Amino acid sequence: MTPVEMEARIVRYGDLMPCKTAFIDAHTPGSDQKENFTIIGGGVSESPDQHVHIKDTPGFNIGAAGQPPKCRNSLHSHRTAEVFFVLKGRWRFFWGRYGTAGEVVLEEGDIFNIPTGIFRGFENIGTDYGMIMAILGGDDAGGGVLWAPQVIEDAQDHGLVLGDDGKLYDSKKGVHLPGGVSPMPLLGDDVLARMPEPTTAEVVPHYVARYWDMMALADRQPAQVIGPDAMLRDRPGFDVDFVTRGSLDDGMNTHDRHEIIMPMRGHWRLTWDGGTTALNPGDTCAVPPGVPHALQPAMTGEASAYRVFSNDDPAGPTMPL
């Protein structure tokens, strides 16, 4: 693989292209300043304005959300897995029909494998612009977003209507539902009654891993974070591990599955049979199967990175409707 070919598989943090109208709450006060990024795969954006950096998926999607302080993402659910880790800032995640069933605060480097089938939202409670990186199960990210009914109703009051074709129509821009397209129906009471309302005590011990715990576990070998035998035992359709300075040897390694490298801290040197390049926090690198490569910190100081691997599992747990 040539340097040009590998560079085409790297999305640099500084090259990320945001979409500010990705979702139905884009005009709703309190949510109208968020930015959505689709890095690998089409994600779940409802807007034709969303830029997709790498269209080919390895069995899952990679995205990100950027928000200024006090900006929140409204309550929604997915049919398959959704995992976040905090790249920058301090974030509060909350869940339940009205966002009151439970909550957890995540610091930089923490990771949250959100239980499938619950309404969830999140907000930046830090003092600066924050960024969270996302992993979504399935090549098609599970078929979109399921919004809490009050989110759809609030959005209509501010000019945005979600059609039953999964597309947004912005009346502020003079765009209305075309013929043959109806508003997305609200989830019925029978569906809402089946959606779990787990408490904080039920969720956090089994679905949240803290950065400094992973740093300690990864001092000599990669820390297994998400997988059937990992810290967070789950089968979401992909595996996640965490590496630090002492986790990896200097030799070349070859995997028979897709590997996505996402640096968290420090500067990393990726070397492969054909070239070498630097990876920095916020970059996303997709290494295809069968490519011999080595990953090592490029400088002294704190260094950590997440790696996401494809596996033979299906897209992950699917929410029944």
C-alpha atoms as a PDB file:
ATOM      1  CA  MET A   1       0.000   0.000   0.000  1.00  0.00           C
ATOM      2  CA  THR A   2       1.478   3.352  -1.059  1.00  0.00           C
ATOM      3  CA  PRO A   3       1.512   6.444   1.191  1.00  0.00           C
ATOM      4  CA  VAL A   4      -1.143   8.018  -1.037  1.00  0.00           C
ATOM      5  CA  GLU A   5      -3.399   4.966  -0.676  1.00  0.00           C
ATOM      6  CA  MET A   6      -2.998   4.913   3.099  1.00  0.00           C
ATOM      7  CA  GLU A   7      -3.562   8.653   3.412  1.00  0.00           C
ATOM      8  CA  ALA A   8      -6.899   8.195   1.621  1.00  0.00           C
ATOM      9  CA  ARG A   9      -7.876   5.930   4.521  1.00  0.00           C
ATOM     10  CA  ILE A  10      -7.030   8.545   7.166  1.00  0.00           C
ATOM     11  CA  VAL A  11      -9.424  11.314   8.185  1.00  0.00           C
ATOM     12  CA  ARG A  12      -7.501  14.065   9.944  1.00  0.00           C
ATOM     13  CA  TYR A  13      -9.121  15.948  12.799  1.00  0.00           C
ATOM     14  CA  GLY A  14      -8.366  19.268  11.101  1.00  0.00           C
ATOM     15  CA  ASP A  15     -10.101  18.098   7.911  1.00  0.00           C
ATOM     16  CA  LEU A  16     -13.382  17.074   9.526  1.00  0.00           C
ATOM     17  CA  MET A  17     -16.374  18.698   7.821  1.00  0.00           C
ATOM     18  CA  PRO A  18     -19.345  19.385  10.120  1.00  0.00           C
ATOM     19  CA  CYS A  19     -23.026  19.461   9.345  1.00  0.00           C
ATOM     20  CA  LYS A  20     -25.114  21.830  11.495  1.00  0.00           C
ATOM     21  CA  THR A  21     -28.472  20.627  10.168  1.00  0.00           C
ATOM     22  CA  ALA A  22     -27.969  16.870  10.547  1.00  0.00           C
ATOM     23  CA  PHE A  23     -30.961  16.135  12.769  1.00  0.00           C
ATOM     24  CA  ILE A  24     -34.499  17.173  13.516  1.00  0.00           C
ATOM     25  CA  ASP A  25     -33.560  19.306  16.530  1.00  0.00           C
ATOM     26  CA  ALA A  26     -31.198  21.529  14.514  1.00  0.00           C
ATOM     27  CA  HIS A  27     -33.423  24.595  15.096  1.00  0.00           C
ATOM     28  CA  THR A  28     -34.594  23.722  18.618  1.00  0.00           C
ATOM     29  CA  PRO A  29     -33.153  26.155  21.217  1.00  0.00           C
ATOM     30  CA  GLY A  30     -30.472  24.451  23.268  1.00  0.00           C
ATOM     31  CA  SER A  31     -29.638  22.018  20.453  1.00  0.00           C
ATOM     32  CA  ASP A  32     -29.194  24.428  17.555  1.00  0.00           C
ATOM     33  CA  GLN A  33     -25.406  24.802  17.789  1.00  0.00           C
ATOM     34  CA  LYS A  34     -24.340  21.176  17.580  1.00  0.00           C
ATOM     35  CA  GLU A  35     -22.221  19.802  14.745  1.00  0.00           C
ATOM     36  CA  ASN A  36     -22.360  16.272  13.362  1.00  0.00           C
ATOM     37  CA  PHE A  37     -19.522  14.464  11.596  1.00  0.00           C
ATOM     38  CA  THR A  38     -19.706  11.263   9.556  1.00  0.00           C
ATOM     39  CA  ILE A  39     -16.193   9.848   9.285  1.00  0.00           C
ATOM     40  CA  ILE A  40     -16.644   6.254   8.066  1.00  0.00           C
ATOM     41  CA  GLY A  41     -19.999   5.253   6.603  1.00  0.00           C
ATOM     42  CA  GLY A  42     -23.122   7.312   6.136  1.00  0.00           C
ATOM     43  CA  GLY A  43     -24.034   7.363   9.827  1.00  0.00           C
ATOM     44  CA  VAL A  44     -27.553   8.334  10.799  1.00  0.00           C
ATOM     45  CA  SER A  45     -27.710  11.925   9.572  1.00  0.00           C
ATOM     46  CA  GLU A  46     -31.117  13.010   8.252  1.00  0.00           C
ATOM     47  CA  SER A  47     -29.698  15.859   6.146  1.00  0.00           C
ATOM     48  CA  PRO A  48     -28.557  15.816   2.497  1.00  0.00           C
ATOM     49  CA  ASP A  49     -25.947  18.402   3.521  1.00  0.00           C
ATOM     50  CA  GLN A  50     -23.992  15.853   5.587  1.00  0.00           C
ATOM     51  CA  HIS A  51     -20.482  15.208   4.244  1.00  0.00           C
ATOM     52  CA  VAL A  52     -19.260  11.596   4.391  1.00  0.00           C
ATOM     53  CA  HIS A  53     -15.465  11.288   4.542  1.00  0.00           C
ATOM     54  CA  ILE A  54     -15.053   7.541   3.839  1.00  0.00           C
ATOM     55  CA  LYS A  55     -18.110   5.797   2.412  1.00  0.00           C
ATOM     56  CA  ASP A  56     -16.970   2.170   2.618  1.00  0.00           C
ATOM     57  CA  THR A  57     -17.800   0.588   5.967  1.00  0.00           C
ATOM     58  CA  PRO A  58     -16.027  -2.269   7.787  1.00  0.00           C
ATOM     59  CA  GLY A  59     -19.242  -3.548   9.371  1.00  0.00           C
ATOM     60  CA  PHE A  60     -19.780  -0.460  11.531  1.00  0.00           C
ATOM     61  CA  ASN A  61     -19.796   3.346  11.250  1.00  0.00           C
ATOM     62  CA  ILE A  62     -17.531   5.968  12.830  1.00  0.00           C
ATOM     63  CA  GLY A  63     -18.790   9.474  13.532  1.00  0.00           C
ATOM     64  CA  ALA A  64     -18.462  12.340  15.975  1.00  0.00           C
ATOM     65  CA  ALA A  65     -20.455  15.113  17.629  1.00  0.00           C
ATOM     66  CA  GLY A  66     -19.072  18.539  18.458  1.00  0.00           C
ATOM     67  CA  GLN A  67     -20.905  20.943  20.729  1.00  0.00           C
ATOM     68  CA  PRO A  68     -20.220  24.204  22.557  1.00  0.00           C
ATOM     69  CA  PRO A  69     -20.921  24.417  26.301  1.00  0.00           C
ATOM     70  CA  LYS A  70     -24.556  23.940  27.394  1.00  0.00           C
ATOM     71  CA  CYS A  71     -25.542  22.509  24.010  1.00  0.00           C
ATOM     72  CA  ARG A  72     -27.378  19.187  24.107  1.00  0.00           C
ATOM     73  CA  ASN A  73     -28.377  16.382  21.768  1.00  0.00           C
ATOM     74  CA  SER A  74     -32.059  15.545  22.146  1.00  0.00           C
ATOM     75  CA  LEU A  75     -33.473  12.230  23.344  1.00  0.00           C
ATOM     76  CA  HIS A  76     -33.300   9.517  20.703  1.00  0.00           C
ATOM     77  CA  SER A  77     -32.638   5.826  20.269  1.00  0.00           C
ATOM     78  CA  HIS A  78     -31.004   3.515  17.745  1.00  0.00           C
ATOM     79  CA  ARG A  79     -31.890   0.033  16.629  1.00  0.00           C
ATOM     80  CA  THR A  80     -28.276  -1.111  16.996  1.00  0.00           C
ATOM     81  CA  ALA A  81     -25.226  -0.294  19.103  1.00  0.00           C
ATOM     82  CA  GLU A  82     -23.979   3.215  19.859  1.00  0.00           C
ATOM     83  CA  VAL A  83     -20.654   3.705  21.663  1.00  0.00           C
ATOM     84  CA  PHE A  84     -19.084   7.071  22.561  1.00  0.00           C
ATOM     85  CA  PHE A  85     -15.713   8.075  23.932  1.00  0.00           C
ATOM     86  CA  VAL A  86     -14.910  11.607  24.999  1.00  0.00           C
ATOM     87  CA  LEU A  87     -12.124  13.192  22.970  1.00  0.00           C
ATOM     88  CA  LYS A  88     -12.487  16.703  24.375  1.00  0.00           C
ATOM     89  CA  GLY A  89     -14.468  18.221  27.211  1.00  0.00           C
ATOM     90  CA  ARG A  90     -16.790  17.030  29.936  1.00  0.00           C
ATOM     91  CA  TRP A  91     -20.126  15.479  29.030  1.00  0.00           C
ATOM     92  CA  ARG A  92     -23.329  14.420  30.764  1.00  0.00           C
ATOM     93  CA  PHE A  93     -25.233  11.485  29.281  1.00  0.00           C
ATOM     94  CA  PHE A  94     -28.825  10.935  30.353  1.00  0.00           C
ATOM     95  CA  TRP A  95     -31.474   8.413  29.349  1.00  0.00           C
ATOM     96  CA  GLY A  96     -35.094   7.320  29.633  1.00  0.00           C
ATOM     97  CA  ARG A  97     -38.381   8.437  28.075  1.00  0.00           C
ATOM     98  CA  TYR A  98     -37.932  11.944  29.478  1.00  0.00           C
ATOM     99  CA  GLY A  99     -34.202  11.742  30.231  1.00  0.00           C
ATOM    100  CA  THR A 100     -34.748  11.215  33.939  1.00  0.00           C
ATOM    101  CA  ALA A 101     -34.167   7.450  34.376  1.00  0.00           C
ATOM    102  CA  GLY A 102     -30.408   7.851  34.923  1.00  0.00           C
ATOM    103  CA  GLU A 103     -27.292   9.797  34.030  1.00  0.00           C
ATOM    104  CA  VAL A 104     -23.509   9.647  34.064  1.00  0.00           C
ATOM    105  CA  VAL A 105     -20.765  12.255  33.608  1.00  0.00           C
ATOM    106  CA  LEU A 106     -17.865  11.298  31.345  1.00  0.00           C
ATOM    107  CA  GLU A 107     -14.420  12.892  31.375  1.00  0.00           C
ATOM    108  CA  GLU A 108     -11.864  12.874  28.564  1.00  0.00           C
ATOM    109  CA  GLY A 109     -10.970   9.350  27.495  1.00  0.00           C
ATOM    110  CA  ASP A 110     -13.954   7.659  29.166  1.00  0.00           C
ATOM    111  CA  ILE A 111     -16.092   5.357  27.005  1.00  0.00           C
ATOM    112  CA  PHE A 112     -19.824   4.553  27.176  1.00  0.00           C
ATOM    113  CA  ASN A 113     -21.425   1.567  25.429  1.00  0.00           C
ATOM    114  CA  ILE A 114     -25.009   2.825  25.608  1.00  0.00           C
ATOM    115  CA  PRO A 115     -27.557   0.018  26.076  1.00  0.00           C
ATOM    116  CA  THR A 116     -29.493  -0.577  22.881  1.00  0.00           C
ATOM    117  CA  GLY A 117     -33.159   0.344  22.856  1.00  0.00           C
ATOM    118  CA  ILE A 118     -33.234   3.172  25.399  1.00  0.00           C
ATOM    119  CA  PHE A 119     -33.759   6.857  24.739  1.00  0.00           C
ATOM    120  CA  ARG A 120     -30.507   8.715  25.305  1.00  0.00           C
ATOM    121  CA  GLY A 121     -29.239  12.274  25.076  1.00  0.00           C
ATOM    122  CA  PHE A 122     -26.053  14.106  25.957  1.00  0.00           C
ATOM    123  CA  GLU A 123     -24.802  17.611  26.638  1.00  0.00           C
ATOM    124  CA  ASN A 124     -21.480  19.382  26.905  1.00  0.00           C
ATOM    125  CA  ILE A 125     -21.158  20.501  30.532  1.00  0.00           C
ATOM    126  CA  GLY A 126     -17.571  21.707  30.136  1.00  0.00           C
ATOM    127  CA  THR A 127     -16.288  25.212  29.579  1.00  0.00           C
ATOM    128  CA  ASP A 128     -15.020  24.840  25.991  1.00  0.00           C
ATOM    129  CA  TYR A 129     -16.073  23.285  22.706  1.00  0.00           C
ATOM    130  CA  GLY A 130     -16.250  19.513  23.220  1.00  0.00           C
ATOM    131  CA  MET A 131     -15.993  16.512  20.931  1.00  0.00           C
ATOM    132  CA  ILE A 132     -17.181  12.938  21.369  1.00  0.00           C
ATOM    133  CA  MET A 133     -16.314  10.144  18.955  1.00  0.00           C
ATOM    134  CA  ALA A 134     -18.974   7.576  18.067  1.00  0.00           C
ATOM    135  CA  ILE A 135     -19.084   3.959  16.878  1.00  0.00           C
ATOM    136  CA  LEU A 136     -22.394   2.809  15.408  1.00  0.00           C
ATOM    137  CA  GLY A 137     -23.228  -0.839  14.765  1.00  0.00           C
ATOM    138  CA  GLY A 138     -23.989  -2.092  11.276  1.00  0.00           C
ATOM    139  CA  ASP A 139     -23.026  -0.964   7.785  1.00  0.00           C
ATOM    140  CA  ASP A 140     -26.179   1.155   7.593  1.00  0.00           C
ATOM    141  CA  ALA A 141     -26.001   2.227  11.274  1.00  0.00           C
ATOM    142  CA  GLY A 142     -29.196   0.409  12.110  1.00  0.00           C
ATOM    143  CA  GLY A 143     -31.579   2.270   9.819  1.00  0.00           C
ATOM    144  CA  GLY A 144     -31.601   5.724  11.386  1.00  0.00           C
ATOM    145  CA  VAL A 145     -32.728   7.478  14.542  1.00  0.00           C
ATOM    146  CA  LEU A 146     -35.849   6.968  16.655  1.00  0.00           C
ATOM    147  CA  TRP A 147     -36.813  10.249  18.314  1.00  0.00           C
ATOM    148  CA  ALA A 148     -38.741  10.700  21.528  1.00  0.00           C
ATOM    149  CA  PRO A 149     -42.185  12.067  20.566  1.00  0.00           C
ATOM    150  CA  GLN A 150     -41.638  15.409  22.306  1.00  0.00           C
ATOM    151  CA  VAL A 151     -38.502  16.014  20.216  1.00  0.00           C
ATOM    152  CA  ILE A 152     -40.454  15.727  16.961  1.00  0.00           C
ATOM    153  CA  GLU A 153     -43.203  17.989  18.316  1.00  0.00           C
ATOM    154  CA  ASP A 154     -40.699  20.621  19.482  1.00  0.00           C
ATOM    155  CA  ALA A 155     -38.931  20.531  16.114  1.00  0.00           C
ATOM    156  CA  GLN A 156     -42.158  21.218  14.229  1.00  0.00           C
ATOM    157  CA  ASP A 157     -42.620  24.357  16.316  1.00  0.00           C
ATOM    158  CA  HIS A 158     -39.251  25.562  14.995  1.00  0.00           C
ATOM    159  CA  GLY A 159     -39.744  24.760  11.318  1.00  0.00           C
ATOM    160  CA  LEU A 160     -38.250  21.283  10.876  1.00  0.00           C
ATOM    161  CA  VAL A 161     -40.358  18.291   9.845  1.00  0.00           C
ATOM    162  CA  LEU A 162     -39.061  14.738   9.507  1.00  0.00           C
ATOM    163  CA  GLY A 163     -40.740  12.882   6.669  1.00  0.00           C
ATOM    164  CA  ASP A 164     -41.595   9.211   6.740  1.00  0.00           C
ATOM    165  CA  ASP A 165     -38.885   8.848   4.075  1.00  0.00           C
ATOM    166  CA  GLY A 166     -36.310   9.644   6.784  1.00  0.00           C
ATOM    167  CA  LYS A 167     -35.443  13.074   5.338  1.00  0.00           C
ATOM    168  CA  LEU A 168     -35.669  16.510   6.951  1.00  0.00           C
ATOM    169  CA  TYR A 169     -37.753  19.316   5.438  1.00  0.00           C
ATOM    170  CA  ASP A 170     -36.978  22.863   6.570  1.00  0.00           C
ATOM    171  CA  SER A 171     -39.897  25.250   6.251  1.00  0.00           C
ATOM    172  CA  LYS A 172     -37.574  28.131   7.200  1.00  0.00           C
ATOM    173  CA  LYS A 173     -35.942  27.549   3.807  1.00  0.00           C
ATOM    174  CA  GLY A 174     -39.288  27.190   2.057  1.00  0.00           C
ATOM    175  CA  VAL A 175     -38.958  23.407   1.828  1.00  0.00           C
ATOM    176  CA  HIS A 176     -42.101  21.439   2.587  1.00  0.00           C
ATOM    177  CA  LEU A 177     -43.159  17.802   2.496  1.00  0.00           C
ATOM    178  CA  PRO A 178     -43.494  16.690  -1.133  1.00  0.00           C
ATOM    179  CA  GLY A 179     -46.487  14.818  -2.408  1.00  0.00           C
ATOM    180  CA  GLY A 180     -46.626  11.240  -1.230  1.00  0.00           C
ATOM    181  CA  VAL A 181     -44.501  11.938   1.865  1.00  0.00           C
ATOM    182  CA  SER A 182     -46.157  12.189   5.281  1.00  0.00           C
ATOM    183  CA  PRO A 183     -44.686  13.363   8.587  1.00  0.00           C
ATOM    184  CA  MET A 184     -42.813  10.662  10.473  1.00  0.00           C
ATOM    185  CA  PRO A 185     -45.376   9.138  12.838  1.00  0.00           C
ATOM    186  CA  LEU A 186     -44.726   9.395  16.555  1.00  0.00           C
ATOM    187  CA  LEU A 187     -43.799   6.198  18.345  1.00  0.00           C
ATOM    188  CA  GLY A 188     -46.934   4.595  19.744  1.00  0.00           C
ATOM    189  CA  ASP A 189     -47.670   3.972  23.397  1.00  0.00           C
ATOM    190  CA  ASP A 190     -47.121   0.232  22.936  1.00  0.00           C
ATOM    191  CA  VAL A 191     -43.567   0.794  21.662  1.00  0.00           C
ATOM    192  CA  LEU A 192     -42.802   3.399  24.305  1.00  0.00           C
ATOM    193  CA  ALA A 193     -44.007   1.049  27.044  1.00  0.00           C
ATOM    194  CA  ARG A 194     -41.497  -1.603  25.913  1.00  0.00           C
ATOM    195  CA  MET A 195     -38.490   0.716  25.985  1.00  0.00           C
ATOM    196  CA  PRO A 196     -36.355   0.075  29.110  1.00  0.00           C
ATOM    197  CA  GLU A 197     -35.840   2.671  31.849  1.00  0.00           C
ATOM    198  CA  PRO A 198     -32.657   1.403  33.578  1.00  0.00           C
ATOM    199  CA  THR A 199     -31.258   3.258  36.578  1.00  0.00           C
ATOM    200  CA  THR A 200     -27.779   4.737  36.881  1.00  0.00           C
ATOM    201  CA  ALA A 201     -26.763   1.865  39.154  1.00  0.00           C
ATOM    202  CA  GLU A 202     -27.883  -0.661  36.554  1.00  0.00           C
ATOM    203  CA  VAL A 203     -26.075   1.007  33.647  1.00  0.00           C
ATOM    204  CA  VAL A 204     -22.777   2.517  34.781  1.00  0.00           C
ATOM    205  CA  PRO A 205     -20.966  -0.577  36.179  1.00  0.00           C
ATOM    206  CA  HIS A 206     -21.639  -2.611  33.029  1.00  0.00           C
ATOM    207  CA  TYR A 207     -21.512  -0.023  30.242  1.00  0.00           C
ATOM    208  CA  VAL A 208     -18.942   2.642  31.263  1.00  0.00           C
ATOM    209  CA  ALA A 209     -15.151   2.292  31.366  1.00  0.00           C
ATOM    210  CA  ARG A 210     -12.967   5.030  32.821  1.00  0.00           C
ATOM    211  CA  TYR A 211      -9.846   6.339  31.119  1.00  0.00           C
ATOM    212  CA  TRP A 212      -7.432   5.890  33.999  1.00  0.00           C
ATOM    213  CA  ASP A 213      -8.630   2.349  34.669  1.00  0.00           C
ATOM    214  CA  MET A 214      -7.868   1.490  31.054  1.00  0.00           C
ATOM    215  CA  MET A 215      -4.482   3.216  31.263  1.00  0.00           C
ATOM    216  CA  ALA A 216      -3.577   0.994  34.212  1.00  0.00           C
ATOM    217  CA  LEU A 217      -4.751  -2.195  32.479  1.00  0.00           C
ATOM    218  CA  ALA A 218      -2.931  -1.362  29.235  1.00  0.00           C
ATOM    219  CA  ASP A 219       0.537  -0.847  30.716  1.00  0.00           C
ATOM    220  CA  ARG A 220       1.894  -4.123  29.228  1.00  0.00           C
ATOM    221  CA  GLN A 221      -0.710  -5.292  26.722  1.00  0.00           C
ATOM    222  CA  PRO A 222      -3.847  -3.897  25.068  1.00  0.00           C
ATOM    223  CA  ALA A 223      -6.816  -3.536  27.410  1.00  0.00           C
ATOM    224  CA  GLN A 224      -9.885  -5.316  26.023  1.00  0.00           C
ATOM    225  CA  VAL A 225     -12.659  -2.739  26.439  1.00  0.00           C
ATOM    226  CA  ILE A 226     -15.739  -4.017  24.538  1.00  0.00           C
ATOM    227  CA  GLY A 227     -16.255  -7.639  23.557  1.00  0.00           C
ATOM    228  CA  PRO A 228     -17.536 -10.934  24.964  1.00  0.00           C
ATOM    229  CA  ASP A 229     -14.561 -11.251  27.354  1.00  0.00           C
ATOM    230  CA  ALA A 230     -13.725  -7.556  27.803  1.00  0.00           C
ATOM    231  CA  MET A 231     -14.206  -4.957  30.542  1.00  0.00           C
ATOM    232  CA  LEU A 232     -17.639  -4.211  29.086  1.00  0.00           C
ATOM    233  CA  ARG A 233     -18.910  -7.627  28.071  1.00  0.00           C
ATOM    234  CA  ASP A 234     -21.061  -7.171  25.022  1.00  0.00           C
ATOM    235  CA  ARG A 235     -21.345  -8.179  21.371  1.00  0.00           C
ATOM    236  CA  PRO A 236     -22.284  -4.920  19.607  1.00  0.00           C
ATOM    237  CA  GLY A 237     -21.009  -6.020  16.193  1.00  0.00           C
ATOM    238  CA  PHE A 238     -17.409  -4.862  16.741  1.00  0.00           C
ATOM    239  CA  ASP A 239     -14.610  -5.169  19.322  1.00  0.00           C
ATOM    240  CA  VAL A 240     -12.825  -2.260  21.021  1.00  0.00           C
ATOM    241  CA  ASP A 241      -9.453  -2.253  22.755  1.00  0.00           C
ATOM    242  CA  PHE A 242      -7.236   0.448  24.259  1.00  0.00           C
ATOM    243  CA  VAL A 243      -3.478   0.793  23.878  1.00  0.00           C
ATOM    244  CA  THR A 244      -0.803   2.889  25.574  1.00  0.00           C
ATOM    245  CA  ARG A 245       2.953   3.268  25.320  1.00  0.00           C
ATOM    246  CA  GLY A 246       3.718  -0.155  26.782  1.00  0.00           C
ATOM    247  CA  SER A 247       0.908  -2.097  25.104  1.00  0.00           C
ATOM    248  CA  LEU A 248       2.443  -2.851  21.714  1.00  0.00           C
ATOM    249  CA  ASP A 249       5.750  -4.284  20.505  1.00  0.00           C
ATOM    250  CA  ASP A 250       7.907  -2.771  17.774  1.00  0.00           C
ATOM    251  CA  GLY A 251       7.279  -5.487  15.229  1.00  0.00           C
ATOM    252  CA  MET A 252       4.901  -5.567  12.302  1.00  0.00           C
ATOM    253  CA  ASN A 253       1.497  -7.136  12.936  1.00  0.00           C
ATOM    254  CA  THR A 254      -1.087  -8.330  10.432  1.00  0.00           C
ATOM    255  CA  HIS A 255      -4.805  -8.701  11.209  1.00  0.00           C
ATOM    256  CA  ASP A 256      -7.393 -10.653   9.252  1.00  0.00           C
ATOM    257  CA  ARG A 257     -10.055  -8.063  10.025  1.00  0.00           C
ATOM    258  CA  HIS A 258     -10.553  -4.330   9.657  1.00  0.00           C
ATOM    259  CA  GLU A 259      -8.818  -2.150  12.257  1.00  0.00           C
ATOM    260  CA  ILE A 260      -9.750   1.465  12.977  1.00  0.00           C
ATOM    261  CA  ILE A 261      -7.140   3.433  14.938  1.00  0.00           C
ATOM    262  CA  MET A 262      -8.367   6.477  16.890  1.00  0.00           C
ATOM    263  CA  PRO A 263      -5.649   8.243  18.958  1.00  0.00           C
ATOM    264  CA  MET A 264      -6.809   9.719  22.245  1.00  0.00           C
ATOM    265  CA  ARG A 265      -3.620  11.243  23.637  1.00  0.00           C
ATOM    266  CA  GLY A 266      -0.128  11.841  22.241  1.00  0.00           C
ATOM    267  CA  HIS A 267       1.316  11.429  18.773  1.00  0.00           C
ATOM    268  CA  TRP A 268       1.591   7.995  17.204  1.00  0.00           C
ATOM    269  CA  ARG A 269       3.731   6.635  14.382  1.00  0.00           C
ATOM    270  CA  LEU A 270       2.026   4.211  12.000  1.00  0.00           C
ATOM    271  CA  THR A 271       4.456   2.214   9.866  1.00  0.00           C
ATOM    272  CA  TRP A 272       3.406  -0.254   7.192  1.00  0.00           C
ATOM    273  CA  ASP A 273       4.916  -2.147   4.297  1.00  0.00           C
ATOM    274  CA  GLY A 274       5.042   0.884   2.026  1.00  0.00           C
ATOM    275  CA  GLY A 275       5.411   3.951   4.203  1.00  0.00           C
ATOM    276  CA  THR A 276       4.998   5.706   7.526  1.00  0.00           C
ATOM    277  CA  THR A 277       2.847   8.545   8.860  1.00  0.00           C
ATOM    278  CA  ALA A 278       1.921  10.304  12.093  1.00  0.00           C
ATOM    279  CA  LEU A 279      -1.500   9.936  13.751  1.00  0.00           C
ATOM    280  CA  ASN A 280      -2.702  12.548  16.217  1.00  0.00           C
ATOM    281  CA  PRO A 281      -5.643  12.873  18.648  1.00  0.00           C
ATOM    282  CA  GLY A 282      -8.897  13.132  16.727  1.00  0.00           C
ATOM    283  CA  ASP A 283      -7.536  11.416  13.610  1.00  0.00           C
ATOM    284  CA  THR A 284      -9.228   8.241  12.357  1.00  0.00           C
ATOM    285  CA  CYS A 285      -7.250   5.657  10.389  1.00  0.00           C
ATOM    286  CA  ALA A 286      -8.785   2.608   8.673  1.00  0.00           C
ATOM    287  CA  VAL A 287      -6.228  -0.180   8.208  1.00  0.00           C
ATOM    288  CA  PRO A 288      -7.592  -2.922   5.918  1.00  0.00           C
ATOM    289  CA  PRO A 289      -7.130  -6.641   6.610  1.00  0.00           C
ATOM    290  CA  GLY A 290      -3.845  -8.220   5.549  1.00  0.00           C
ATOM    291  CA  VAL A 291      -1.662  -5.086   5.750  1.00  0.00           C
ATOM    292  CA  PRO A 292       1.450  -5.586   7.949  1.00  0.00           C
ATOM    293  CA  HIS A 293       1.838  -2.542  10.172  1.00  0.00           C
ATOM    294  CA  ALA A 294       3.264  -1.286  13.455  1.00  0.00           C
ATOM    295  CA  LEU A 295       1.873   1.372  15.799  1.00  0.00           C
ATOM    296  CA  GLN A 296       4.090   3.109  18.335  1.00  0.00           C
ATOM    297  CA  PRO A 297       4.116   6.484  20.165  1.00  0.00           C
ATOM    298  CA  ALA A 298       6.149   9.004  18.191  1.00  0.00           C
ATOM    299  CA  MET A 299       7.118  11.212  21.150  1.00  0.00           C
ATOM    300  CA  THR A 300       7.614  10.971  24.887  1.00  0.00           C
ATOM    301  CA  GLY A 301       4.757  11.726  27.254  1.00  0.00           C
ATOM    302  CA  GLU A 302       1.247  10.368  27.690  1.00  0.00           C
ATOM    303  CA  ALA A 303       0.017   8.291  24.757  1.00  0.00           C
ATOM    304  CA  SER A 304      -3.224   6.351  24.348  1.00  0.00           C
ATOM    305  CA  ALA A 305      -5.449   5.204  21.512  1.00  0.00           C
ATOM    306  CA  TYR A 306      -8.620   3.260  20.889  1.00  0.00           C
ATOM    307  CA  ARG A 307      -8.743   0.524  18.260  1.00  0.00           C
ATOM    308  CA  VAL A 308     -11.993  -0.817  16.799  1.00  0.00           C
ATOM    309  CA  PHE A 309     -12.020  -4.195  15.051  1.00  0.00           C
ATOM    310  CA  SER A 310     -14.590  -5.807  12.811  1.00  0.00           C
ATOM    311  CA  ASN A 311     -15.781  -9.256  13.805  1.00  0.00           C
ATOM    312  CA  ASP A 312     -18.106 -12.004  12.631  1.00  0.00           C
ATOM    313  CA  ASP A 313     -21.004 -10.889  14.808  1.00  0.00           C
ATOM    314  CA  PRO A 314     -24.078  -9.383  13.159  1.00  0.00           C
ATOM    315  CA  ALA A 315     -24.700  -5.647  13.487  1.00  0.00           C
ATOM    316  CA  GLY A 316     -25.212  -6.018  17.201  1.00  0.00           C
ATOM    317  CA  PRO A 317     -28.290  -6.170  19.402  1.00  0.00           C
ATOM    318  CA  THR A 318     -31.352  -4.945  17.543  1.00  0.00           C
ATOM    319  CA  MET A 319     -34.127  -3.039  19.245  1.00  0.00           C
ATOM    320  CA  PRO A 320     -37.496  -4.770  18.769  1.00  0.00           C
ATOM    321  CA  LEU A 321     -40.383  -2.581  17.604  1.00  0.00           C
END
